[in-house]
């Protein structure tokens, strides 16, 4: 993935940045290529849940 290469080249080490960009990249590719799903999208659900937890922790950090 080019995301890893670009973030490593920029010297990024925070895990939440990687997870956030992977989530955006995953859903963008899913929207562009629209693969057929027979079951619930487990990977997408896990990425979205992780993204929501990261956002909630950042909001909590800012507010308190």
C-alpha atoms as a PDB file:
ATOM      1  CA  UNK A   1       0.000   0.000   0.000  1.00  0.00           C
ATOM      2  CA  UNK A   2       1.225   3.420  -0.835  1.00  0.00           C
ATOM      3  CA  UNK A   3      -0.235   4.789   2.375  1.00  0.00           C
ATOM      4  CA  UNK A   4       2.423   3.047   4.448  1.00  0.00           C
ATOM      5  CA  UNK A   5       5.211   4.243   2.174  1.00  0.00           C
ATOM      6  CA  UNK A   6       4.043   7.872   2.228  1.00  0.00           C
ATOM      7  CA  UNK A   7       3.496   7.953   5.979  1.00  0.00           C
ATOM      8  CA  UNK A   8       6.858   6.312   6.642  1.00  0.00           C
ATOM      9  CA  UNK A   9       8.558   8.788   4.317  1.00  0.00           C
ATOM     10  CA  UNK A  10       6.943  11.628   6.262  1.00  0.00           C
ATOM     11  CA  UNK A  11       8.183  10.132   9.543  1.00  0.00           C
ATOM     12  CA  UNK A  12       4.731   9.465  10.968  1.00  0.00           C
ATOM     13  CA  UNK A  13       4.695   7.046  13.910  1.00  0.00           C
ATOM     14  CA  UNK A  14       1.232   7.515  15.456  1.00  0.00           C
ATOM     15  CA  UNK A  15      -0.957   4.439  15.094  1.00  0.00           C
ATOM     16  CA  UNK A  16      -4.187   6.450  14.965  1.00  0.00           C
ATOM     17  CA  UNK A  17      -3.033   8.229  11.803  1.00  0.00           C
ATOM     18  CA  UNK A  18      -2.351   4.915  10.072  1.00  0.00           C
ATOM     19  CA  UNK A  19      -5.702   3.420  11.140  1.00  0.00           C
ATOM     20  CA  UNK A  20      -7.618   6.547  10.134  1.00  0.00           C
ATOM     21  CA  UNK A  21      -6.065   6.694   6.680  1.00  0.00           C
ATOM     22  CA  UNK A  22      -6.485   2.937   6.154  1.00  0.00           C
ATOM     23  CA  UNK A  23     -10.175   3.315   7.027  1.00  0.00           C
ATOM     24  CA  UNK A  24     -10.654   6.166   4.566  1.00  0.00           C
ATOM     25  CA  UNK A  25      -8.711   4.283   1.887  1.00  0.00           C
ATOM     26  CA  UNK A  26     -10.703   1.068   2.456  1.00  0.00           C
ATOM     27  CA  UNK A  27     -14.090   2.758   2.177  1.00  0.00           C
ATOM     28  CA  UNK A  28     -12.998   4.837  -0.826  1.00  0.00           C
ATOM     29  CA  UNK A  29     -11.866   1.702  -2.664  1.00  0.00           C
ATOM     30  CA  UNK A  30     -15.072  -0.085  -1.658  1.00  0.00           C
ATOM     31  CA  UNK A  31     -17.133   2.781  -3.047  1.00  0.00           C
ATOM     32  CA  UNK A  32     -15.165   2.896  -6.300  1.00  0.00           C
ATOM     33  CA  UNK A  33     -14.994  -0.819  -7.051  1.00  0.00           C
ATOM     34  CA  UNK A  34     -18.230  -1.924  -5.323  1.00  0.00           C
ATOM     35  CA  UNK A  35     -17.448  -5.601  -4.665  1.00  0.00           C
ATOM     36  CA  UNK A  36     -20.389  -7.914  -4.118  1.00  0.00           C
ATOM     37  CA  UNK A  37     -20.856  -8.931  -0.520  1.00  0.00           C
ATOM     38  CA  UNK A  38     -22.566 -12.113   0.516  1.00  0.00           C
ATOM     39  CA  UNK A  39     -22.044 -11.482   4.211  1.00  0.00           C
ATOM     40  CA  UNK A  40     -21.585  -8.507   6.500  1.00  0.00           C
ATOM     41  CA  UNK A  41     -18.374  -6.588   5.752  1.00  0.00           C
ATOM     42  CA  UNK A  42     -16.374  -7.615   8.823  1.00  0.00           C
ATOM     43  CA  UNK A  43     -13.224  -5.716   7.845  1.00  0.00           C
ATOM     44  CA  UNK A  44     -15.170  -2.537   7.147  1.00  0.00           C
ATOM     45  CA  UNK A  45     -17.079  -2.862  10.404  1.00  0.00           C
ATOM     46  CA  UNK A  46     -13.909  -3.395  12.422  1.00  0.00           C
ATOM     47  CA  UNK A  47     -12.158  -0.464  10.757  1.00  0.00           C
ATOM     48  CA  UNK A  48     -15.145   1.802  11.293  1.00  0.00           C
ATOM     49  CA  UNK A  49     -15.477   0.775  14.945  1.00  0.00           C
ATOM     50  CA  UNK A  50     -11.761   1.376  15.527  1.00  0.00           C
ATOM     51  CA  UNK A  51     -11.997   4.742  13.789  1.00  0.00           C
ATOM     52  CA  UNK A  52     -14.953   5.736  16.001  1.00  0.00           C
ATOM     53  CA  UNK A  53     -13.040   4.749  19.143  1.00  0.00           C
ATOM     54  CA  UNK A  54     -10.015   6.797  18.053  1.00  0.00           C
ATOM     55  CA  UNK A  55     -12.195   9.836  17.323  1.00  0.00           C
ATOM     56  CA  UNK A  56     -13.994   9.473  20.660  1.00  0.00           C
ATOM     57  CA  UNK A  57     -10.672   9.272  22.534  1.00  0.00           C
ATOM     58  CA  UNK A  58      -9.354  12.375  20.730  1.00  0.00           C
ATOM     59  CA  UNK A  59     -12.553  14.316  21.497  1.00  0.00           C
ATOM     60  CA  UNK A  60     -12.331  13.204  25.139  1.00  0.00           C
ATOM     61  CA  UNK A  61      -8.682  14.332  25.220  1.00  0.00           C
ATOM     62  CA  UNK A  62      -9.608  17.751  23.844  1.00  0.00           C
ATOM     63  CA  UNK A  63     -12.603  18.286  26.112  1.00  0.00           C
ATOM     64  CA  UNK A  64     -11.039  17.098  29.350  1.00  0.00           C
END
